[in-house]
C-alpha atoms as a PDB file:
ATOM      1  CA  UNK A   1     112.764 -43.554 -86.375  1.00  0.00           C
ATOM      2  CA  UNK A   2     113.909 -47.192 -86.110  1.00  0.00           C
ATOM      3  CA  UNK A   3     112.027 -50.117 -87.803  1.00  0.00           C
ATOM      4  CA  UNK A   4     110.826 -51.440 -84.474  1.00  0.00           C
ATOM      5  CA  UNK A   5     109.245 -48.148 -83.390  1.00  0.00           C
ATOM      6  CA  UNK A   6     107.788 -47.660 -86.927  1.00  0.00           C
ATOM      7  CA  UNK A   7     106.039 -51.150 -86.556  1.00  0.00           C
ATOM      8  CA  UNK A   8     104.385 -49.979 -83.310  1.00  0.00           C
ATOM      9  CA  UNK A   9     103.310 -46.606 -84.730  1.00  0.00           C
ATOM     10  CA  UNK A  10     101.879 -48.034 -87.924  1.00  0.00           C
ATOM     11  CA  UNK A  11      99.805 -50.604 -85.907  1.00  0.00           C
ATOM     12  CA  UNK A  12     101.129 -53.825 -87.422  1.00  0.00           C
ATOM     13  CA  UNK A  13     100.655 -56.525 -84.860  1.00  0.00           C
ATOM     14  CA  UNK A  14     103.468 -59.122 -85.193  1.00  0.00           C
ATOM     15  CA  UNK A  15     101.358 -62.130 -84.607  1.00  0.00           C
ATOM     16  CA  UNK A  16     101.197 -65.345 -86.714  1.00  0.00           C
ATOM     17  CA  UNK A  17      97.989 -66.106 -88.706  1.00  0.00           C
ATOM     18  CA  UNK A  18      96.628 -68.681 -86.257  1.00  0.00           C
ATOM     19  CA  UNK A  19      96.518 -66.039 -83.447  1.00  0.00           C
ATOM     20  CA  UNK A  20      95.434 -63.162 -85.722  1.00  0.00           C
ATOM     21  CA  UNK A  21      92.464 -65.172 -86.541  1.00  0.00           C
ATOM     22  CA  UNK A  22      91.145 -64.909 -83.156  1.00  0.00           C
ATOM     23  CA  UNK A  23      92.758 -61.718 -81.901  1.00  0.00           C
ATOM     24  CA  UNK A  24      93.001 -59.253 -84.728  1.00  0.00           C
ATOM     25  CA  UNK A  25      90.213 -57.004 -83.501  1.00  0.00           C
ATOM     26  CA  UNK A  26      91.903 -56.742 -80.124  1.00  0.00           C
ATOM     27  CA  UNK A  27      94.501 -54.366 -81.448  1.00  0.00           C
ATOM     28  CA  UNK A  28      91.866 -51.789 -82.276  1.00  0.00           C
ATOM     29  CA  UNK A  29      90.621 -51.579 -78.760  1.00  0.00           C
ATOM     30  CA  UNK A  30      91.245 -48.339 -76.735  1.00  0.00           C
ATOM     31  CA  UNK A  31      93.402 -50.197 -74.214  1.00  0.00           C
ATOM     32  CA  UNK A  32      95.662 -51.564 -76.912  1.00  0.00           C
ATOM     33  CA  UNK A  33      95.779 -48.179 -78.696  1.00  0.00           C
ATOM     34  CA  UNK A  34      96.845 -46.666 -75.339  1.00  0.00           C
ATOM     35  CA  UNK A  35      99.431 -49.337 -74.868  1.00  0.00           C
ATOM     36  CA  UNK A  36     100.872 -48.691 -78.270  1.00  0.00           C
ATOM     37  CA  UNK A  37     101.295 -44.904 -77.497  1.00  0.00           C
ATOM     38  CA  UNK A  38     102.851 -45.778 -74.075  1.00  0.00           C
ATOM     39  CA  UNK A  39     105.365 -48.210 -75.647  1.00  0.00           C
ATOM     40  CA  UNK A  40     106.410 -45.641 -78.348  1.00  0.00           C
ATOM     41  CA  UNK A  41     107.029 -43.069 -75.721  1.00  0.00           C
ATOM     42  CA  UNK A  42     108.767 -45.606 -73.362  1.00  0.00           C
ATOM     43  CA  UNK A  43     111.111 -46.818 -76.018  1.00  0.00           C
ATOM     44  CA  UNK A  44     112.177 -43.210 -76.847  1.00  0.00           C
ATOM     45  CA  UNK A  45     113.205 -42.676 -73.248  1.00  0.00           C
ATOM     46  CA  UNK A  46     114.257 -45.970 -71.842  1.00  0.00           C
ATOM     47  CA  UNK A  47     115.554 -49.444 -72.710  1.00  0.00           C
ATOM     48  CA  UNK A  48     112.618 -51.826 -72.834  1.00  0.00           C
ATOM     49  CA  UNK A  49     112.717 -55.599 -72.763  1.00  0.00           C
ATOM     50  CA  UNK A  50     112.256 -57.707 -74.747  1.00  0.00           C
ATOM     51  CA  UNK A  51     113.191 -56.105 -78.025  1.00  0.00           C
ATOM     52  CA  UNK A  52     110.047 -55.504 -80.193  1.00  0.00           C
ATOM     53  CA  UNK A  53     110.979 -58.473 -82.596  1.00  0.00           C
ATOM     54  CA  UNK A  54     110.603 -60.816 -79.548  1.00  0.00           C
ATOM     55  CA  UNK A  55     107.522 -59.575 -77.747  1.00  0.00           C
ATOM     56  CA  UNK A  56     105.356 -62.112 -79.377  1.00  0.00           C
ATOM     57  CA  UNK A  57     107.796 -65.097 -79.542  1.00  0.00           C
ATOM     58  CA  UNK A  58     105.496 -67.257 -77.491  1.00  0.00           C
ATOM     59  CA  UNK A  59     102.776 -66.951 -80.043  1.00  0.00           C
ATOM     60  CA  UNK A  60     105.050 -67.746 -82.958  1.00  0.00           C
ATOM     61  CA  UNK A  61     106.534 -70.800 -81.168  1.00  0.00           C
ATOM     62  CA  UNK A  62     103.096 -72.142 -80.154  1.00  0.00           C
ATOM     63  CA  UNK A  63     100.234 -71.640 -82.722  1.00  0.00           C
ATOM     64  CA  UNK A  64      96.770 -71.332 -81.383  1.00  0.00           C
ATOM     65  CA  UNK A  65      95.616 -74.728 -82.400  1.00  0.00           C
ATOM     66  CA  UNK A  66      98.922 -76.301 -81.032  1.00  0.00           C
ATOM     67  CA  UNK A  67      98.402 -75.083 -77.453  1.00  0.00           C
ATOM     68  CA  UNK A  68      98.041 -77.857 -74.965  1.00  0.00           C
ATOM     69  CA  UNK A  69      99.469 -76.350 -71.796  1.00  0.00           C
ATOM     70  CA  UNK A  70      99.669 -72.627 -70.703  1.00  0.00           C
ATOM     71  CA  UNK A  71     102.225 -71.509 -68.293  1.00  0.00           C
ATOM     72  CA  UNK A  72     101.566 -68.022 -67.053  1.00  0.00           C
ATOM     73  CA  UNK A  73     104.313 -65.744 -65.765  1.00  0.00           C
ATOM     74  CA  UNK A  74     104.116 -62.109 -64.461  1.00  0.00           C
ATOM     75  CA  UNK A  75     106.380 -59.875 -66.731  1.00  0.00           C
ATOM     76  CA  UNK A  76     109.605 -60.408 -68.456  1.00  0.00           C
ATOM     77  CA  UNK A  77     113.009 -60.598 -66.982  1.00  0.00           C
ATOM     78  CA  UNK A  78     114.372 -57.027 -66.750  1.00  0.00           C
ATOM     79  CA  UNK A  79     117.967 -57.676 -67.018  1.00  0.00           C
ATOM     80  CA  UNK A  80     120.019 -57.235 -70.213  1.00  0.00           C
ATOM     81  CA  UNK A  81     119.782 -60.115 -72.704  1.00  0.00           C
ATOM     82  CA  UNK A  82     117.520 -62.172 -70.569  1.00  0.00           C
ATOM     83  CA  UNK A  83     113.837 -61.720 -71.929  1.00  0.00           C
ATOM     84  CA  UNK A  84     113.095 -63.095 -75.384  1.00  0.00           C
ATOM     85  CA  UNK A  85     109.333 -63.323 -75.356  1.00  0.00           C
ATOM     86  CA  UNK A  86     108.692 -66.547 -73.518  1.00  0.00           C
ATOM     87  CA  UNK A  87     107.898 -66.532 -69.839  1.00  0.00           C
ATOM     88  CA  UNK A  88     110.840 -67.945 -67.607  1.00  0.00           C
ATOM     89  CA  UNK A  89     112.924 -68.673 -70.615  1.00  0.00           C
ATOM     90  CA  UNK A  90     116.297 -67.133 -71.381  1.00  0.00           C
ATOM     91  CA  UNK A  91     118.460 -67.449 -74.472  1.00  0.00           C
ATOM     92  CA  UNK A  92     121.351 -69.999 -74.536  1.00  0.00           C
ATOM     93  CA  UNK A  93     124.366 -68.473 -73.100  1.00  0.00           C
ATOM     94  CA  UNK A  94     122.416 -66.414 -70.475  1.00  0.00           C
ATOM     95  CA  UNK A  95     122.666 -67.982 -66.902  1.00  0.00           C
ATOM     96  CA  UNK A  96     119.266 -69.253 -65.842  1.00  0.00           C
ATOM     97  CA  UNK A  97     117.745 -66.852 -63.221  1.00  0.00           C
ATOM     98  CA  UNK A  98     116.728 -68.100 -59.725  1.00  0.00           C
ATOM     99  CA  UNK A  99     113.052 -68.780 -60.670  1.00  0.00           C
ATOM    100  CA  UNK A 100     114.012 -70.890 -63.609  1.00  0.00           C
ATOM    101  CA  UNK A 101     116.672 -72.718 -61.505  1.00  0.00           C
ATOM    102  CA  UNK A 102     113.789 -73.610 -59.038  1.00  0.00           C
ATOM    103  CA  UNK A 103     111.677 -74.769 -61.873  1.00  0.00           C
ATOM    104  CA  UNK A 104     114.381 -77.231 -62.929  1.00  0.00           C
ATOM    105  CA  UNK A 105     114.766 -78.337 -59.459  1.00  0.00           C
ATOM    106  CA  UNK A 106     111.103 -79.198 -59.180  1.00  0.00           C
ATOM    107  CA  UNK A 107     111.161 -81.019 -62.586  1.00  0.00           C
ATOM    108  CA  UNK A 108     114.082 -83.165 -61.340  1.00  0.00           C
ATOM    109  CA  UNK A 109     112.415 -83.840 -58.040  1.00  0.00           C
ATOM    110  CA  UNK A 110     109.142 -84.894 -59.706  1.00  0.00           C
ATOM    111  CA  UNK A 111     110.135 -86.881 -62.768  1.00  0.00           C
ATOM    112  CA  UNK A 112     113.957 -87.148 -62.499  1.00  0.00           C
ATOM    113  CA  UNK A 113     114.920 -85.088 -65.446  1.00  0.00           C
ATOM    114  CA  UNK A 114     118.491 -83.794 -64.927  1.00  0.00           C
ATOM    115  CA  UNK A 115     118.932 -80.082 -64.587  1.00  0.00           C
ATOM    116  CA  UNK A 116     119.896 -78.597 -68.029  1.00  0.00           C
ATOM    117  CA  UNK A 117     122.872 -76.528 -68.958  1.00  0.00           C
ATOM    118  CA  UNK A 118     120.858 -73.657 -70.329  1.00  0.00           C
ATOM    119  CA  UNK A 119     117.541 -72.150 -69.904  1.00  0.00           C
ATOM    120  CA  UNK A 120     116.007 -71.663 -73.344  1.00  0.00           C
ATOM    121  CA  UNK A 121     112.586 -73.277 -73.229  1.00  0.00           C
ATOM    122  CA  UNK A 122     111.863 -73.532 -76.934  1.00  0.00           C
ATOM    123  CA  UNK A 123     111.714 -77.234 -76.730  1.00  0.00           C
ATOM    124  CA  UNK A 124     108.557 -76.895 -74.568  1.00  0.00           C
ATOM    125  CA  UNK A 125     106.948 -74.302 -76.691  1.00  0.00           C
ATOM    126  CA  UNK A 126     107.396 -76.435 -79.744  1.00  0.00           C
ATOM    127  CA  UNK A 127     105.309 -79.186 -77.929  1.00  0.00           C
ATOM    128  CA  UNK A 128     102.418 -76.937 -77.320  1.00  0.00           C
ATOM    129  CA  UNK A 129     103.361 -75.194 -74.102  1.00  0.00           C
ATOM    130  CA  UNK A 130     102.451 -71.510 -74.413  1.00  0.00           C
ATOM    131  CA  UNK A 131     104.799 -69.574 -72.289  1.00  0.00           C
ATOM    132  CA  UNK A 132     102.777 -66.418 -71.654  1.00  0.00           C
ATOM    133  CA  UNK A 133     103.537 -63.604 -69.346  1.00  0.00           C
ATOM    134  CA  UNK A 134     100.610 -61.512 -68.025  1.00  0.00           C
ATOM    135  CA  UNK A 135     102.481 -58.420 -69.081  1.00  0.00           C
ATOM    136  CA  UNK A 136     104.658 -58.641 -72.152  1.00  0.00           C
ATOM    137  CA  UNK A 137     107.150 -55.780 -71.836  1.00  0.00           C
ATOM    138  CA  UNK A 138     109.138 -54.179 -68.998  1.00  0.00           C
ATOM    139  CA  UNK A 139     111.487 -51.297 -68.472  1.00  0.00           C
ATOM    140  CA  UNK A 140     115.135 -52.291 -67.845  1.00  0.00           C
ATOM    141  CA  UNK A 141     115.904 -52.935 -64.288  1.00  0.00           C
ATOM    142  CA  UNK A 142     112.283 -52.146 -63.135  1.00  0.00           C
ATOM    143  CA  UNK A 143     110.154 -55.245 -62.477  1.00  0.00           C
ATOM    144  CA  UNK A 144     106.423 -54.655 -63.021  1.00  0.00           C
ATOM    145  CA  UNK A 145     107.110 -51.124 -64.656  1.00  0.00           C
ATOM    146  CA  UNK A 146     104.701 -51.896 -67.492  1.00  0.00           C
ATOM    147  CA  UNK A 147     101.825 -53.122 -65.282  1.00  0.00           C
ATOM    148  CA  UNK A 148      98.523 -51.393 -65.860  1.00  0.00           C
ATOM    149  CA  UNK A 149      99.230 -50.267 -69.345  1.00  0.00           C
ATOM    150  CA  UNK A 150      96.937 -52.529 -71.279  1.00  0.00           C
ATOM    151  CA  UNK A 151      98.784 -55.841 -71.508  1.00  0.00           C
ATOM    152  CA  UNK A 152      96.643 -57.395 -68.761  1.00  0.00           C
ATOM    153  CA  UNK A 153      93.615 -56.943 -70.962  1.00  0.00           C
ATOM    154  CA  UNK A 154      95.316 -58.433 -73.882  1.00  0.00           C
ATOM    155  CA  UNK A 155      96.492 -61.467 -72.070  1.00  0.00           C
ATOM    156  CA  UNK A 156      93.013 -61.779 -70.502  1.00  0.00           C
ATOM    157  CA  UNK A 157      91.695 -61.957 -74.042  1.00  0.00           C
ATOM    158  CA  UNK A 158      94.283 -64.728 -74.999  1.00  0.00           C
ATOM    159  CA  UNK A 159      93.156 -66.754 -72.004  1.00  0.00           C
ATOM    160  CA  UNK A 160      89.373 -66.237 -72.848  1.00  0.00           C
ATOM    161  CA  UNK A 161      89.845 -67.375 -76.435  1.00  0.00           C
ATOM    162  CA  UNK A 162      91.691 -70.455 -75.331  1.00  0.00           C
ATOM    163  CA  UNK A 163      89.170 -71.236 -72.812  1.00  0.00           C
ATOM    164  CA  UNK A 164      86.229 -70.755 -75.146  1.00  0.00           C
ATOM    165  CA  UNK A 165      87.603 -72.434 -78.412  1.00  0.00           C
ATOM    166  CA  UNK A 166      89.651 -75.233 -76.875  1.00  0.00           C
ATOM    167  CA  UNK A 167      89.051 -78.372 -74.668  1.00  0.00           C
ATOM    168  CA  UNK A 168      91.271 -80.035 -72.222  1.00  0.00           C
ATOM    169  CA  UNK A 169      93.996 -77.540 -71.754  1.00  0.00           C
ATOM    170  CA  UNK A 170      96.215 -77.342 -68.664  1.00  0.00           C
ATOM    171  CA  UNK A 171      96.581 -73.911 -67.151  1.00  0.00           C
ATOM    172  CA  UNK A 172      99.709 -73.664 -64.864  1.00  0.00           C
ATOM    173  CA  UNK A 173      99.387 -70.498 -62.750  1.00  0.00           C
ATOM    174  CA  UNK A 174     102.386 -69.602 -60.534  1.00  0.00           C
ATOM    175  CA  UNK A 175     102.086 -66.605 -58.172  1.00  0.00           C
ATOM    176  CA  UNK A 176      99.370 -64.019 -57.622  1.00  0.00           C
ATOM    177  CA  UNK A 177      99.509 -62.231 -60.826  1.00  0.00           C
ATOM    178  CA  UNK A 178      99.007 -65.453 -62.702  1.00  0.00           C
ATOM    179  CA  UNK A 179      96.420 -66.913 -60.283  1.00  0.00           C
ATOM    180  CA  UNK A 180      94.193 -63.964 -60.743  1.00  0.00           C
ATOM    181  CA  UNK A 181      93.664 -65.101 -64.270  1.00  0.00           C
ATOM    182  CA  UNK A 182      92.065 -68.320 -62.956  1.00  0.00           C
ATOM    183  CA  UNK A 183      88.679 -66.883 -62.729  1.00  0.00           C
ATOM    184  CA  UNK A 184      88.614 -66.737 -66.584  1.00  0.00           C
ATOM    185  CA  UNK A 185      89.020 -70.485 -67.053  1.00  0.00           C
ATOM    186  CA  UNK A 186      86.203 -72.909 -67.023  1.00  0.00           C
ATOM    187  CA  UNK A 187      87.504 -75.747 -64.744  1.00  0.00           C
ATOM    188  CA  UNK A 188      84.896 -78.116 -66.096  1.00  0.00           C
ATOM    189  CA  UNK A 189      86.599 -78.005 -69.531  1.00  0.00           C
ATOM    190  CA  UNK A 190      90.294 -77.443 -68.500  1.00  0.00           C
ATOM    191  CA  UNK A 191      92.703 -78.457 -65.782  1.00  0.00           C
ATOM    192  CA  UNK A 192      93.948 -75.453 -63.593  1.00  0.00           C
ATOM    193  CA  UNK A 193      97.045 -75.971 -61.530  1.00  0.00           C
ATOM    194  CA  UNK A 194      98.014 -73.160 -59.020  1.00  0.00           C
ATOM    195  CA  UNK A 195     100.861 -72.639 -56.639  1.00  0.00           C
ATOM    196  CA  UNK A 196     103.058 -69.842 -55.235  1.00  0.00           C
ATOM    197  CA  UNK A 197     105.762 -68.397 -57.569  1.00  0.00           C
ATOM    198  CA  UNK A 198     108.989 -70.252 -58.092  1.00  0.00           C
ATOM    199  CA  UNK A 199     110.827 -67.239 -57.037  1.00  0.00           C
ATOM    200  CA  UNK A 200     113.322 -67.918 -54.001  1.00  0.00           C
ATOM    201  CA  UNK A 201     111.132 -65.583 -51.977  1.00  0.00           C
ATOM    202  CA  UNK A 202     108.066 -67.910 -52.311  1.00  0.00           C
ATOM    203  CA  UNK A 203     109.116 -71.304 -53.813  1.00  0.00           C
ATOM    204  CA  UNK A 204     109.316 -72.870 -50.279  1.00  0.00           C
ATOM    205  CA  UNK A 205     105.662 -71.967 -49.599  1.00  0.00           C
ATOM    206  CA  UNK A 206     104.102 -74.500 -51.985  1.00  0.00           C
ATOM    207  CA  UNK A 207     105.933 -74.320 -55.364  1.00  0.00           C
ATOM    208  CA  UNK A 208     108.336 -77.100 -54.393  1.00  0.00           C
ATOM    209  CA  UNK A 209     106.324 -80.244 -54.296  1.00  0.00           C
ATOM    210  CA  UNK A 210     103.527 -78.888 -56.329  1.00  0.00           C
ATOM    211  CA  UNK A 211     103.697 -81.874 -58.726  1.00  0.00           C
ATOM    212  CA  UNK A 212     102.536 -79.693 -61.728  1.00  0.00           C
ATOM    213  CA  UNK A 213     104.763 -81.290 -64.258  1.00  0.00           C
ATOM    214  CA  UNK A 214     103.738 -84.798 -63.592  1.00  0.00           C
ATOM    215  CA  UNK A 215     100.009 -83.967 -63.127  1.00  0.00           C
ATOM    216  CA  UNK A 216     100.156 -82.177 -66.515  1.00  0.00           C
ATOM    217  CA  UNK A 217     101.462 -85.232 -68.214  1.00  0.00           C
ATOM    218  CA  UNK A 218      98.943 -87.533 -66.409  1.00  0.00           C
ATOM    219  CA  UNK A 219      96.173 -85.282 -67.747  1.00  0.00           C
ATOM    220  CA  UNK A 220      97.445 -85.294 -71.293  1.00  0.00           C
ATOM    221  CA  UNK A 221      97.861 -89.064 -71.225  1.00  0.00           C
ATOM    222  CA  UNK A 222      94.346 -89.638 -69.852  1.00  0.00           C
ATOM    223  CA  UNK A 223      93.125 -87.708 -72.932  1.00  0.00           C
ATOM    224  CA  UNK A 224      95.261 -89.963 -75.224  1.00  0.00           C
ATOM    225  CA  UNK A 225      97.715 -87.123 -75.942  1.00  0.00           C
ATOM    226  CA  UNK A 226     101.415 -87.312 -75.841  1.00  0.00           C
ATOM    227  CA  UNK A 227     103.010 -86.126 -72.597  1.00  0.00           C
ATOM    228  CA  UNK A 228     105.298 -83.061 -72.536  1.00  0.00           C
ATOM    229  CA  UNK A 229     108.988 -83.887 -72.594  1.00  0.00           C
ATOM    230  CA  UNK A 230     110.130 -81.401 -69.878  1.00  0.00           C
ATOM    231  CA  UNK A 231     113.786 -81.798 -70.665  1.00  0.00           C
ATOM    232  CA  UNK A 232     115.795 -78.889 -72.103  1.00  0.00           C
ATOM    233  CA  UNK A 233     118.098 -80.380 -74.678  1.00  0.00           C
ATOM    234  CA  UNK A 234     121.616 -79.091 -75.051  1.00  0.00           C
END
């Protein structure tokens, strides 16, 4: 048995303390126990992305109390070396996928930031942008293959805790999977921004021109907070 599988089977959630303080009991729920068993079996038979060490990267890069913006994606990229635990982000050296390219186009159109040379979004995460997928794992080459296994309940809990314990967050929801989460957010406390997904299949139906990056910064500045630097440094 490899170390990654052992970690799953011994029920050691790889979350930083700030998130464990609010989510620790979630790992004892029936849906998370079922998810754990599913992942153990899935990893024995198939290649799964991202690697176990990266599943919770978004939580490590953006502690609970540091979250200012939540960008919610669907599930991880399912190609080799793409997913590393933050929605829409890929490691340096991996070509940005089409959805991420469209995100960079929109940022350039909105606020004039040049399109970057790579697609690793750690710079955003370190400023308080939680890059969260609705489902945190996927079978190689099979989008949505881990849907309905328990991750949705886990990410519902993440959003519920942020909604209840924090004030003035921005929730950016692109596409139907993300927008279904909007019902869990108190719009009297937080700003919710919704649009079609940045995928080439839907971006022209309202993602392009959504203004979400500029509107996010306007909201933060109105709260006397620093705006997000949406650049992706080399």
